C-alpha atoms as a PDB file:
ATOM      1  CA  MET A   1      56.421 -77.719  52.749  1.00  0.00           C
ATOM      2  CA  ARG A   2      57.915 -74.249  52.629  1.00  0.00           C
ATOM      3  CA  VAL A   3      57.187 -71.902  55.536  1.00  0.00           C
ATOM      4  CA  PHE A   4      56.807 -68.206  54.667  1.00  0.00           C
ATOM      5  CA  ASN A   5      56.714 -65.332  57.145  1.00  0.00           C
ATOM      6  CA  ILE A   6      54.722 -62.168  56.433  1.00  0.00           C
ATOM      7  CA  ASP A   7      57.810 -60.492  54.924  1.00  0.00           C
ATOM      8  CA  GLU A   8      57.789 -63.254  52.283  1.00  0.00           C
ATOM      9  CA  VAL A   9      54.208 -62.717  51.117  1.00  0.00           C
ATOM     10  CA  GLU A  10      55.358 -62.091  47.520  1.00  0.00           C
ATOM     11  CA  ALA A  11      57.032 -65.524  47.471  1.00  0.00           C
ATOM     12  CA  ALA A  12      53.891 -67.104  48.968  1.00  0.00           C
ATOM     13  CA  ALA A  13      51.808 -65.478  46.206  1.00  0.00           C
ATOM     14  CA  ALA A  14      54.267 -66.761  43.591  1.00  0.00           C
ATOM     15  CA  LEU A  15      53.697 -70.269  44.954  1.00  0.00           C
ATOM     16  CA  LEU A  16      49.940 -69.782  44.365  1.00  0.00           C
ATOM     17  CA  ARG A  17      50.522 -68.484  40.823  1.00  0.00           C
ATOM     18  CA  ALA A  18      52.702 -71.543  40.135  1.00  0.00           C
ATOM     19  CA  GLY A  19      49.802 -73.864  41.014  1.00  0.00           C
ATOM     20  CA  GLY A  20      50.664 -74.535  44.647  1.00  0.00           C
ATOM     21  CA  VAL A  21      48.424 -74.961  47.669  1.00  0.00           C
ATOM     22  CA  LEU A  22      49.115 -72.564  50.528  1.00  0.00           C
ATOM     23  CA  ALA A  23      47.846 -72.686  54.107  1.00  0.00           C
ATOM     24  CA  TYR A  24      47.405 -69.159  55.466  1.00  0.00           C
ATOM     25  CA  PRO A  25      45.773 -67.351  58.389  1.00  0.00           C
ATOM     26  CA  THR A  26      42.358 -65.740  58.060  1.00  0.00           C
ATOM     27  CA  GLU A  27      40.189 -63.858  60.516  1.00  0.00           C
ATOM     28  CA  GLY A  28      39.469 -66.895  62.705  1.00  0.00           C
ATOM     29  CA  VAL A  29      41.156 -70.046  61.384  1.00  0.00           C
ATOM     30  CA  TYR A  30      43.854 -71.137  58.976  1.00  0.00           C
ATOM     31  CA  GLY A  31      42.645 -71.624  55.430  1.00  0.00           C
ATOM     32  CA  LEU A  32      43.843 -73.619  52.456  1.00  0.00           C
ATOM     33  CA  GLY A  33      44.154 -71.577  49.311  1.00  0.00           C
ATOM     34  CA  CYS A  34      45.055 -71.767  45.663  1.00  0.00           C
ATOM     35  CA  ASP A  35      44.457 -69.950  42.403  1.00  0.00           C
ATOM     36  CA  PRO A  36      40.697 -70.403  41.815  1.00  0.00           C
ATOM     37  CA  ASP A  37      41.328 -70.814  38.076  1.00  0.00           C
ATOM     38  CA  ASN A  38      43.722 -73.740  38.630  1.00  0.00           C
ATOM     39  CA  ARG A  39      41.590 -76.891  38.656  1.00  0.00           C
ATOM     40  CA  GLU A  40      44.528 -79.164  39.523  1.00  0.00           C
ATOM     41  CA  ALA A  41      45.439 -77.142  42.637  1.00  0.00           C
ATOM     42  CA  PHE A  42      41.767 -76.985  43.564  1.00  0.00           C
ATOM     43  CA  GLY A  43      41.559 -80.780  43.310  1.00  0.00           C
ATOM     44  CA  LYS A  44      44.590 -81.121  45.558  1.00  0.00           C
ATOM     45  CA  ILE A  45      42.862 -79.071  48.277  1.00  0.00           C
ATOM     46  CA  PHE A  46      39.788 -81.304  48.206  1.00  0.00           C
ATOM     47  CA  ALA A  47      41.943 -84.430  48.303  1.00  0.00           C
ATOM     48  CA  MET A  48      43.790 -83.017  51.334  1.00  0.00           C
ATOM     49  CA  LYS A  49      40.524 -82.155  53.081  1.00  0.00           C
ATOM     50  CA  ARG A  50      38.926 -85.476  52.079  1.00  0.00           C
ATOM     51  CA  ARG A  51      35.885 -83.465  51.074  1.00  0.00           C
ATOM     52  CA  ALA A  52      33.592 -83.771  48.064  1.00  0.00           C
ATOM     53  CA  PRO A  53      34.320 -80.994  45.540  1.00  0.00           C
ATOM     54  CA  GLU A  54      30.591 -80.503  44.931  1.00  0.00           C
ATOM     55  CA  GLN A  55      30.501 -78.508  48.172  1.00  0.00           C
ATOM     56  CA  GLY A  56      32.327 -75.578  46.581  1.00  0.00           C
ATOM     57  CA  VAL A  57      34.478 -72.987  48.349  1.00  0.00           C
ATOM     58  CA  LEU A  58      34.578 -69.294  49.032  1.00  0.00           C
ATOM     59  CA  LEU A  59      37.048 -66.788  47.665  1.00  0.00           C
ATOM     60  CA  ILE A  60      38.693 -63.990  49.619  1.00  0.00           C
ATOM     61  CA  ALA A  61      39.977 -60.757  48.169  1.00  0.00           C
ATOM     62  CA  ALA A  62      41.708 -57.551  49.184  1.00  0.00           C
ATOM     63  CA  ASP A  63      39.041 -55.264  47.698  1.00  0.00           C
ATOM     64  CA  PHE A  64      35.791 -55.384  45.759  1.00  0.00           C
ATOM     65  CA  GLU A  65      37.543 -54.786  42.433  1.00  0.00           C
ATOM     66  CA  GLN A  66      39.225 -58.202  42.808  1.00  0.00           C
ATOM     67  CA  VAL A  67      35.833 -59.965  42.937  1.00  0.00           C
ATOM     68  CA  ARG A  68      33.688 -57.702  40.744  1.00  0.00           C
ATOM     69  CA  ASP A  69      33.939 -60.056  37.722  1.00  0.00           C
ATOM     70  CA  TRP A  70      32.882 -63.029  39.875  1.00  0.00           C
ATOM     71  CA  VAL A  71      29.560 -61.427  40.892  1.00  0.00           C
ATOM     72  CA  GLY A  72      26.522 -62.023  38.668  1.00  0.00           C
ATOM     73  CA  ASP A  73      23.336 -59.995  38.703  1.00  0.00           C
ATOM     74  CA  ALA A  74      22.970 -58.316  42.087  1.00  0.00           C
ATOM     75  CA  SER A  75      20.728 -55.379  42.888  1.00  0.00           C
ATOM     76  CA  GLU A  76      22.018 -52.086  44.177  1.00  0.00           C
ATOM     77  CA  ALA A  77      20.343 -52.913  47.530  1.00  0.00           C
ATOM     78  CA  ALA A  78      22.327 -56.154  47.745  1.00  0.00           C
ATOM     79  CA  LEU A  79      25.566 -54.350  46.901  1.00  0.00           C
ATOM     80  CA  ASP A  80      24.798 -51.683  49.527  1.00  0.00           C
ATOM     81  CA  ARG A  81      24.298 -54.455  52.138  1.00  0.00           C
ATOM     82  CA  VAL A  82      27.681 -55.891  51.229  1.00  0.00           C
ATOM     83  CA  ARG A  83      29.482 -52.541  51.114  1.00  0.00           C
ATOM     84  CA  ALA A  84      28.280 -51.841  54.671  1.00  0.00           C
ATOM     85  CA  ALA A  85      30.118 -54.959  55.918  1.00  0.00           C
ATOM     86  CA  TRP A  86      33.235 -54.942  53.704  1.00  0.00           C
ATOM     87  CA  PRO A  87      36.085 -54.975  54.133  1.00  0.00           C
ATOM     88  CA  GLY A  88      35.495 -57.230  57.088  1.00  0.00           C
ATOM     89  CA  ALA A  89      35.003 -60.687  58.499  1.00  0.00           C
ATOM     90  CA  HIS A  90      31.768 -61.413  56.660  1.00  0.00           C
ATOM     91  CA  THR A  91      31.183 -63.753  53.713  1.00  0.00           C
ATOM     92  CA  PHE A  92      28.354 -63.140  51.239  1.00  0.00           C
ATOM     93  CA  ILE A  93      26.755 -65.464  48.698  1.00  0.00           C
ATOM     94  CA  PHE A  94      26.156 -63.783  45.335  1.00  0.00           C
ATOM     95  CA  PRO A  95      24.609 -64.948  42.099  1.00  0.00           C
ATOM     96  CA  ARG A  96      27.646 -66.112  40.173  1.00  0.00           C
ATOM     97  CA  SER A  97      28.833 -64.662  36.910  1.00  0.00           C
ATOM     98  CA  PRO A  98      29.803 -66.784  33.886  1.00  0.00           C
ATOM     99  CA  ARG A  99      33.438 -66.111  34.910  1.00  0.00           C
ATOM    100  CA  VAL A 100      33.132 -68.508  37.895  1.00  0.00           C
ATOM    101  CA  PRO A 101      34.566 -71.971  37.143  1.00  0.00           C
ATOM    102  CA  GLU A 102      32.155 -74.818  37.927  1.00  0.00           C
ATOM    103  CA  TRP A 103      34.635 -76.386  40.359  1.00  0.00           C
ATOM    104  CA  VAL A 104      34.721 -73.248  42.533  1.00  0.00           C
ATOM    105  CA  ALA A 105      30.934 -73.094  42.960  1.00  0.00           C
ATOM    106  CA  GLY A 106      30.503 -76.861  43.251  1.00  0.00           C
ATOM    107  CA  GLY A 107      26.827 -77.731  43.113  1.00  0.00           C
ATOM    108  CA  HIS A 108      25.739 -74.211  44.084  1.00  0.00           C
ATOM    109  CA  ALA A 109      24.043 -71.548  41.970  1.00  0.00           C
ATOM    110  CA  GLY A 110      25.927 -68.805  43.806  1.00  0.00           C
ATOM    111  CA  ILE A 111      29.481 -67.874  44.701  1.00  0.00           C
ATOM    112  CA  ALA A 112      30.705 -67.165  48.238  1.00  0.00           C
ATOM    113  CA  LEU A 113      32.978 -64.108  48.463  1.00  0.00           C
ATOM    114  CA  ARG A 114      34.661 -62.108  51.208  1.00  0.00           C
ATOM    115  CA  VAL A 115      36.611 -58.869  51.018  1.00  0.00           C
ATOM    116  CA  THR A 116      38.763 -59.246  54.086  1.00  0.00           C
ATOM    117  CA  ALA A 117      40.229 -56.632  56.395  1.00  0.00           C
ATOM    118  CA  HIS A 118      42.688 -59.152  57.909  1.00  0.00           C
ATOM    119  CA  PRO A 119      46.135 -57.650  57.098  1.00  0.00           C
ATOM    120  CA  PRO A 120      48.010 -60.907  56.225  1.00  0.00           C
ATOM    121  CA  SER A 121      45.135 -62.064  53.981  1.00  0.00           C
ATOM    122  CA  VAL A 122      44.885 -58.628  52.336  1.00  0.00           C
ATOM    123  CA  ALA A 123      48.655 -58.652  51.692  1.00  0.00           C
ATOM    124  CA  LEU A 124      48.451 -62.151  50.189  1.00  0.00           C
ATOM    125  CA  CYS A 125      45.544 -61.269  47.864  1.00  0.00           C
ATOM    126  CA  ARG A 126      47.257 -58.037  46.778  1.00  0.00           C
ATOM    127  CA  ALA A 127      50.511 -59.893  46.086  1.00  0.00           C
ATOM    128  CA  PHE A 128      48.609 -62.611  44.187  1.00  0.00           C
ATOM    129  CA  GLY A 129      46.732 -59.986  42.196  1.00  0.00           C
ATOM    130  CA  GLY A 130      43.216 -61.326  42.737  1.00  0.00           C
ATOM    131  CA  PRO A 131      40.963 -63.468  44.857  1.00  0.00           C
ATOM    132  CA  ILE A 132      42.153 -66.796  46.220  1.00  0.00           C
ATOM    133  CA  VAL A 133      40.360 -69.918  47.390  1.00  0.00           C
ATOM    134  CA  SER A 134      39.670 -69.935  51.107  1.00  0.00           C
ATOM    135  CA  THR A 135      38.507 -73.141  52.759  1.00  0.00           C
ATOM    136  CA  SER A 136      39.273 -74.096  56.336  1.00  0.00           C
ATOM    137  CA  ALA A 137      42.520 -75.999  56.899  1.00  0.00           C
ATOM    138  CA  ASN A 138      41.149 -79.248  58.251  1.00  0.00           C
ATOM    139  CA  ARG A 139      40.119 -82.739  57.253  1.00  0.00           C
ATOM    140  CA  HIS A 140      36.409 -82.711  56.466  1.00  0.00           C
ATOM    141  CA  GLY A 141      34.353 -82.755  59.655  1.00  0.00           C
ATOM    142  CA  GLU A 142      37.276 -81.993  61.973  1.00  0.00           C
ATOM    143  CA  ALA A 143      38.303 -78.790  63.740  1.00  0.00           C
ATOM    144  CA  PRO A 144      40.234 -76.285  61.606  1.00  0.00           C
ATOM    145  CA  ALA A 145      43.881 -75.426  62.265  1.00  0.00           C
ATOM    146  CA  ARG A 146      44.509 -72.234  64.199  1.00  0.00           C
ATOM    147  CA  SER A 147      48.300 -72.067  63.705  1.00  0.00           C
ATOM    148  CA  ALA A 148      50.997 -73.051  61.225  1.00  0.00           C
ATOM    149  CA  ALA A 149      52.038 -75.807  63.665  1.00  0.00           C
ATOM    150  CA  GLU A 150      48.488 -77.210  63.659  1.00  0.00           C
ATOM    151  CA  VAL A 151      48.481 -77.146  59.835  1.00  0.00           C
ATOM    152  CA  ARG A 152      51.648 -79.265  59.916  1.00  0.00           C
ATOM    153  CA  ALA A 153      50.122 -81.627  62.520  1.00  0.00           C
ATOM    154  CA  ILE A 154      47.016 -82.169  60.372  1.00  0.00           C
ATOM    155  CA  PHE A 155      48.519 -82.287  56.892  1.00  0.00           C
ATOM    156  CA  GLY A 156      52.243 -82.975  57.267  1.00  0.00           C
ATOM    157  CA  ASP A 157      53.895 -81.888  54.026  1.00  0.00           C
ATOM    158  CA  GLU A 158      50.745 -82.056  51.858  1.00  0.00           C
ATOM    159  CA  PRO A 159      50.436 -78.276  51.400  1.00  0.00           C
ATOM    160  CA  ASP A 160      53.150 -76.747  49.237  1.00  0.00           C
ATOM    161  CA  GLY A 161      53.567 -73.906  51.710  1.00  0.00           C
ATOM    162  CA  VAL A 162      52.266 -72.197  54.809  1.00  0.00           C
ATOM    163  CA  LEU A 163      52.167 -68.473  55.585  1.00  0.00           C
ATOM    164  CA  ASP A 164      53.023 -68.262  59.280  1.00  0.00           C
ATOM    165  CA  ALA A 165      51.276 -65.099  60.491  1.00  0.00           C
ATOM    166  CA  PRO A 166      48.674 -64.195  63.141  1.00  0.00           C
ATOM    167  CA  LEU A 167      44.974 -64.954  62.913  1.00  0.00           C
ATOM    168  CA  GLY A 168      42.536 -62.041  62.963  1.00  0.00           C
ATOM    169  CA  GLY A 169      41.055 -62.636  66.409  1.00  0.00           C
ATOM    170  CA  LEU A 170      37.734 -64.357  65.605  1.00  0.00           C
ATOM    171  CA  ASP A 171      37.061 -67.549  67.531  1.00  0.00           C
ATOM    172  CA  ARG A 172      35.311 -69.266  64.597  1.00  0.00           C
ATOM    173  CA  PRO A 173      34.855 -69.043  60.819  1.00  0.00           C
ATOM    174  CA  THR A 174      33.176 -65.914  59.462  1.00  0.00           C
ATOM    175  CA  PRO A 175      29.396 -65.531  59.213  1.00  0.00           C
ATOM    176  CA  ILE A 176      27.802 -66.116  55.801  1.00  0.00           C
ATOM    177  CA  THR A 177      24.837 -64.115  54.448  1.00  0.00           C
ATOM    178  CA  ASP A 178      22.935 -64.302  51.180  1.00  0.00           C
ATOM    179  CA  ALA A 179      23.745 -60.937  49.561  1.00  0.00           C
ATOM    180  CA  VAL A 180      20.458 -60.771  47.653  1.00  0.00           C
ATOM    181  CA  SER A 181      17.927 -61.858  50.300  1.00  0.00           C
ATOM    182  CA  GLY A 182      19.842 -60.953  53.453  1.00  0.00           C
ATOM    183  CA  ALA A 183      19.195 -64.450  54.847  1.00  0.00           C
ATOM    184  CA  ILE A 184      21.823 -65.651  57.315  1.00  0.00           C
ATOM    185  CA  ILE A 185      23.398 -68.909  56.132  1.00  0.00           C
ATOM    186  CA  ARG A 186      25.946 -69.279  58.978  1.00  0.00           C
ATOM    187  CA  ALA A 187      25.894 -67.076  62.065  1.00  0.00           C
END
């Protein structure tokens, strides 16, 4: 497993573009990420997590333009709700567009998206050139990693790389809200 520091974010993004799986810091925990269009890399993440792929994942992005094509029909009121919270540590479920691969959504009708304000995650998404998969770096049902060292302790060399940078200060994963209804999915 290659370890990248924040000055090597371009190389970490190149690893994602080449089909690799990268562990990286988010607002509250380390995540496992890959190119959401790469089904093989996506499958590797679920094998590492020992989690059923039908559960789907969320995508993080540096700005709304990176996820615009992933959002299906959403009212102006829903988009206003989202714009009030983004960029930030808040995930929203949207109706998914036809652009969303089945494996990303899993068995869900929607797509979970977050436009982050966490500087290392923003830098990674900008360097990658689009949204990336973001699912907690843990075996299914266990506590997520909160450092690059914990990623190594959990997964050994299974990830292709790890971006060793600070978390964003949250003590848990981000809240999730249905963008259309406003219903809170995870507080």
